[in-house]
Amino acid sequence: MTLIEILVSSVIFALIISGLVSVFVMSKGHNVHARARTTASQLGKFFLDPLQMEVDQEHWDTNCLGRHAVGDCPDGTETIDGRTYDAVYNVTDVGNNTDLRRATVTITWNEE
């Protein structure tokens, strides 16, 4: 009777451990994705900060190299921890009879 109890308890233990292993593997994937998102948000701030210093009415309608023209303007790439992040600015007119423009940056990367 004790041998059967040991076998049953071993099977139950193996099922529990295999369930926990899958939870840990999924958790690791979520942590890697969260780290990439955090890095991308910091890079977005890094790419947008220089625009605050360059904003003036005189140069606002320059081409993409000036990073102020309306439309999409590629800015560059950064590689951190073996992952490459690409940044693209998008500048749009706010409208409402103003000269205001909204600048956003989109950071993309490949999930591995």
C-alpha atoms as a PDB file:
ATOM      1  CA  MET A   1       0.000   0.000   0.000  1.00  0.00           C
ATOM      2  CA  THR A   2       2.822   2.452   0.733  1.00  0.00           C
ATOM      3  CA  LEU A   3       4.391   1.935  -2.707  1.00  0.00           C
ATOM      4  CA  ILE A   4       1.132   2.943  -4.391  1.00  0.00           C
ATOM      5  CA  GLU A   5       0.887   6.002  -2.125  1.00  0.00           C
ATOM      6  CA  ILE A   6       4.436   7.013  -3.044  1.00  0.00           C
ATOM      7  CA  LEU A   7       3.707   6.622  -6.775  1.00  0.00           C
ATOM      8  CA  VAL A   8       0.497   8.643  -6.558  1.00  0.00           C
ATOM      9  CA  SER A   9       2.162  11.384  -4.540  1.00  0.00           C
ATOM     10  CA  SER A  10       5.077  11.454  -7.039  1.00  0.00           C
ATOM     11  CA  VAL A  11       2.667  11.907  -9.943  1.00  0.00           C
ATOM     12  CA  ILE A  12       0.816  14.692  -8.111  1.00  0.00           C
ATOM     13  CA  PHE A  13       4.129  16.357  -7.240  1.00  0.00           C
ATOM     14  CA  ALA A  14       5.289  16.129 -10.890  1.00  0.00           C
ATOM     15  CA  LEU A  15       2.048  17.729 -12.115  1.00  0.00           C
ATOM     16  CA  ILE A  16       2.378  20.577  -9.635  1.00  0.00           C
ATOM     17  CA  ILE A  17       6.034  21.184 -10.514  1.00  0.00           C
ATOM     18  CA  SER A  18       5.342  21.161 -14.270  1.00  0.00           C
ATOM     19  CA  GLY A  19       2.582  23.732 -13.730  1.00  0.00           C
ATOM     20  CA  LEU A  20       4.924  25.931 -11.720  1.00  0.00           C
ATOM     21  CA  VAL A  21       7.649  25.672 -14.361  1.00  0.00           C
ATOM     22  CA  SER A  22       5.257  26.910 -17.057  1.00  0.00           C
ATOM     23  CA  VAL A  23       4.242  29.828 -14.823  1.00  0.00           C
ATOM     24  CA  PHE A  24       7.897  30.791 -14.317  1.00  0.00           C
ATOM     25  CA  VAL A  25       8.625  30.583 -18.054  1.00  0.00           C
ATOM     26  CA  MET A  26       5.641  32.801 -18.889  1.00  0.00           C
ATOM     27  CA  SER A  27       6.624  35.196 -16.117  1.00  0.00           C
ATOM     28  CA  LYS A  28      10.118  35.516 -17.561  1.00  0.00           C
ATOM     29  CA  GLY A  29       8.668  36.370 -20.989  1.00  0.00           C
ATOM     30  CA  HIS A  30       6.455  39.053 -19.476  1.00  0.00           C
ATOM     31  CA  ASN A  31       9.410  40.503 -17.568  1.00  0.00           C
ATOM     32  CA  VAL A  32      11.523  40.683 -20.743  1.00  0.00           C
ATOM     33  CA  HIS A  33       8.682  42.441 -22.574  1.00  0.00           C
ATOM     34  CA  ALA A  34       8.142  44.877 -19.696  1.00  0.00           C
ATOM     35  CA  ARG A  35      11.855  45.682 -19.643  1.00  0.00           C
ATOM     36  CA  ALA A  36      11.802  46.381 -23.393  1.00  0.00           C
ATOM     37  CA  ARG A  37       8.763  48.653 -22.990  1.00  0.00           C
ATOM     38  CA  THR A  38      10.452  50.552 -20.153  1.00  0.00           C
ATOM     39  CA  THR A  39      13.603  50.976 -22.227  1.00  0.00           C
ATOM     40  CA  ALA A  40      11.533  52.178 -25.190  1.00  0.00           C
ATOM     41  CA  SER A  41       9.724  54.756 -23.065  1.00  0.00           C
ATOM     42  CA  GLN A  42      13.028  56.090 -21.753  1.00  0.00           C
ATOM     43  CA  LEU A  43      14.387  56.253 -25.299  1.00  0.00           C
ATOM     44  CA  GLY A  44      11.271  58.162 -26.355  1.00  0.00           C
ATOM     45  CA  LYS A  45      12.050  60.755 -23.718  1.00  0.00           C
ATOM     46  CA  PHE A  46      15.689  60.755 -24.868  1.00  0.00           C
ATOM     47  CA  PHE A  47      14.639  61.427 -28.481  1.00  0.00           C
ATOM     48  CA  LEU A  48      12.026  64.091 -27.638  1.00  0.00           C
ATOM     49  CA  ASP A  49      14.062  66.104 -25.118  1.00  0.00           C
ATOM     50  CA  PRO A  50      16.256  67.808 -27.759  1.00  0.00           C
ATOM     51  CA  LEU A  51      13.138  69.111 -29.512  1.00  0.00           C
ATOM     52  CA  GLN A  52      12.339  71.268 -26.495  1.00  0.00           C
ATOM     53  CA  MET A  53      15.630  73.087 -26.918  1.00  0.00           C
ATOM     54  CA  GLU A  54      15.273  73.463 -30.716  1.00  0.00           C
ATOM     55  CA  VAL A  55      11.740  74.856 -30.874  1.00  0.00           C
ATOM     56  CA  ASP A  56      11.600  78.320 -32.349  1.00  0.00           C
ATOM     57  CA  GLN A  57       9.312  79.902 -34.927  1.00  0.00           C
ATOM     58  CA  GLU A  58      12.167  80.693 -37.314  1.00  0.00           C
ATOM     59  CA  HIS A  59      13.145  77.068 -37.977  1.00  0.00           C
ATOM     60  CA  TRP A  60       9.867  75.256 -37.368  1.00  0.00           C
ATOM     61  CA  ASP A  61       9.113  74.477 -41.038  1.00  0.00           C
ATOM     62  CA  THR A  62      12.459  72.886 -41.856  1.00  0.00           C
ATOM     63  CA  ASN A  63      12.848  69.474 -43.445  1.00  0.00           C
ATOM     64  CA  CYS A  64      13.040  66.154 -41.607  1.00  0.00           C
ATOM     65  CA  LEU A  65      16.696  66.706 -40.839  1.00  0.00           C
ATOM     66  CA  GLY A  66      15.540  69.610 -38.713  1.00  0.00           C
ATOM     67  CA  ARG A  67      12.956  67.208 -37.225  1.00  0.00           C
ATOM     68  CA  HIS A  68      10.196  69.819 -37.291  1.00  0.00           C
ATOM     69  CA  ALA A  69       8.366  69.323 -40.590  1.00  0.00           C
ATOM     70  CA  VAL A  70       4.846  67.939 -40.601  1.00  0.00           C
ATOM     71  CA  GLY A  71       4.894  64.205 -41.308  1.00  0.00           C
ATOM     72  CA  ASP A  72       7.019  61.242 -40.338  1.00  0.00           C
ATOM     73  CA  CYS A  73      10.732  61.803 -39.883  1.00  0.00           C
ATOM     74  CA  PRO A  74      13.092  58.947 -39.010  1.00  0.00           C
ATOM     75  CA  ASP A  75      15.493  59.866 -36.238  1.00  0.00           C
ATOM     76  CA  GLY A  76      17.733  56.888 -35.705  1.00  0.00           C
ATOM     77  CA  THR A  77      18.329  53.704 -33.855  1.00  0.00           C
ATOM     78  CA  GLU A  78      19.758  52.707 -30.518  1.00  0.00           C
ATOM     79  CA  THR A  79      20.952  49.242 -29.548  1.00  0.00           C
ATOM     80  CA  ILE A  80      20.624  48.330 -25.880  1.00  0.00           C
ATOM     81  CA  ASP A  81      21.218  44.839 -24.475  1.00  0.00           C
ATOM     82  CA  GLY A  82      21.375  43.399 -27.984  1.00  0.00           C
ATOM     83  CA  ARG A  83      17.942  44.757 -28.956  1.00  0.00           C
ATOM     84  CA  THR A  84      17.669  47.482 -31.619  1.00  0.00           C
ATOM     85  CA  TYR A  85      15.133  50.252 -31.072  1.00  0.00           C
ATOM     86  CA  ASP A  86      14.063  52.434 -34.029  1.00  0.00           C
ATOM     87  CA  ALA A  87      12.679  55.938 -33.478  1.00  0.00           C
ATOM     88  CA  VAL A  88      10.397  57.857 -35.855  1.00  0.00           C
ATOM     89  CA  TYR A  89       9.066  61.354 -35.187  1.00  0.00           C
ATOM     90  CA  ASN A  90       5.603  62.370 -36.285  1.00  0.00           C
ATOM     91  CA  VAL A  91       4.757  66.061 -36.309  1.00  0.00           C
ATOM     92  CA  THR A  92       1.136  67.137 -36.839  1.00  0.00           C
ATOM     93  CA  ASP A  93      -0.649  70.461 -36.864  1.00  0.00           C
ATOM     94  CA  VAL A  94      -2.869  70.939 -33.848  1.00  0.00           C
ATOM     95  CA  GLY A  95      -5.269  73.153 -35.781  1.00  0.00           C
ATOM     96  CA  ASN A  96      -7.852  75.438 -34.127  1.00  0.00           C
ATOM     97  CA  ASN A  97      -6.418  78.468 -35.961  1.00  0.00           C
ATOM     98  CA  THR A  98      -3.101  78.216 -34.112  1.00  0.00           C
ATOM     99  CA  ASP A  99       0.474  77.646 -35.170  1.00  0.00           C
ATOM    100  CA  LEU A 100       0.840  74.862 -32.613  1.00  0.00           C
ATOM    101  CA  ARG A 101       2.196  71.467 -33.596  1.00  0.00           C
ATOM    102  CA  ARG A 102       2.278  68.160 -31.773  1.00  0.00           C
ATOM    103  CA  ALA A 103       5.453  66.085 -31.908  1.00  0.00           C
ATOM    104  CA  THR A 104       5.321  62.386 -31.044  1.00  0.00           C
ATOM    105  CA  VAL A 105       7.958  59.733 -31.295  1.00  0.00           C
ATOM    106  CA  THR A 106       7.246  56.074 -31.971  1.00  0.00           C
ATOM    107  CA  ILE A 107       9.767  53.519 -30.785  1.00  0.00           C
ATOM    108  CA  THR A 108       9.693  50.054 -32.355  1.00  0.00           C
ATOM    109  CA  TRP A 109      11.738  46.956 -31.612  1.00  0.00           C
ATOM    110  CA  ASN A 110      11.729  43.262 -32.423  1.00  0.00           C
ATOM    111  CA  GLU A 111      10.460  40.819 -29.831  1.00  0.00           C
ATOM    112  CA  GLU A 112      12.625  37.736 -29.636  1.00  0.00           C
END
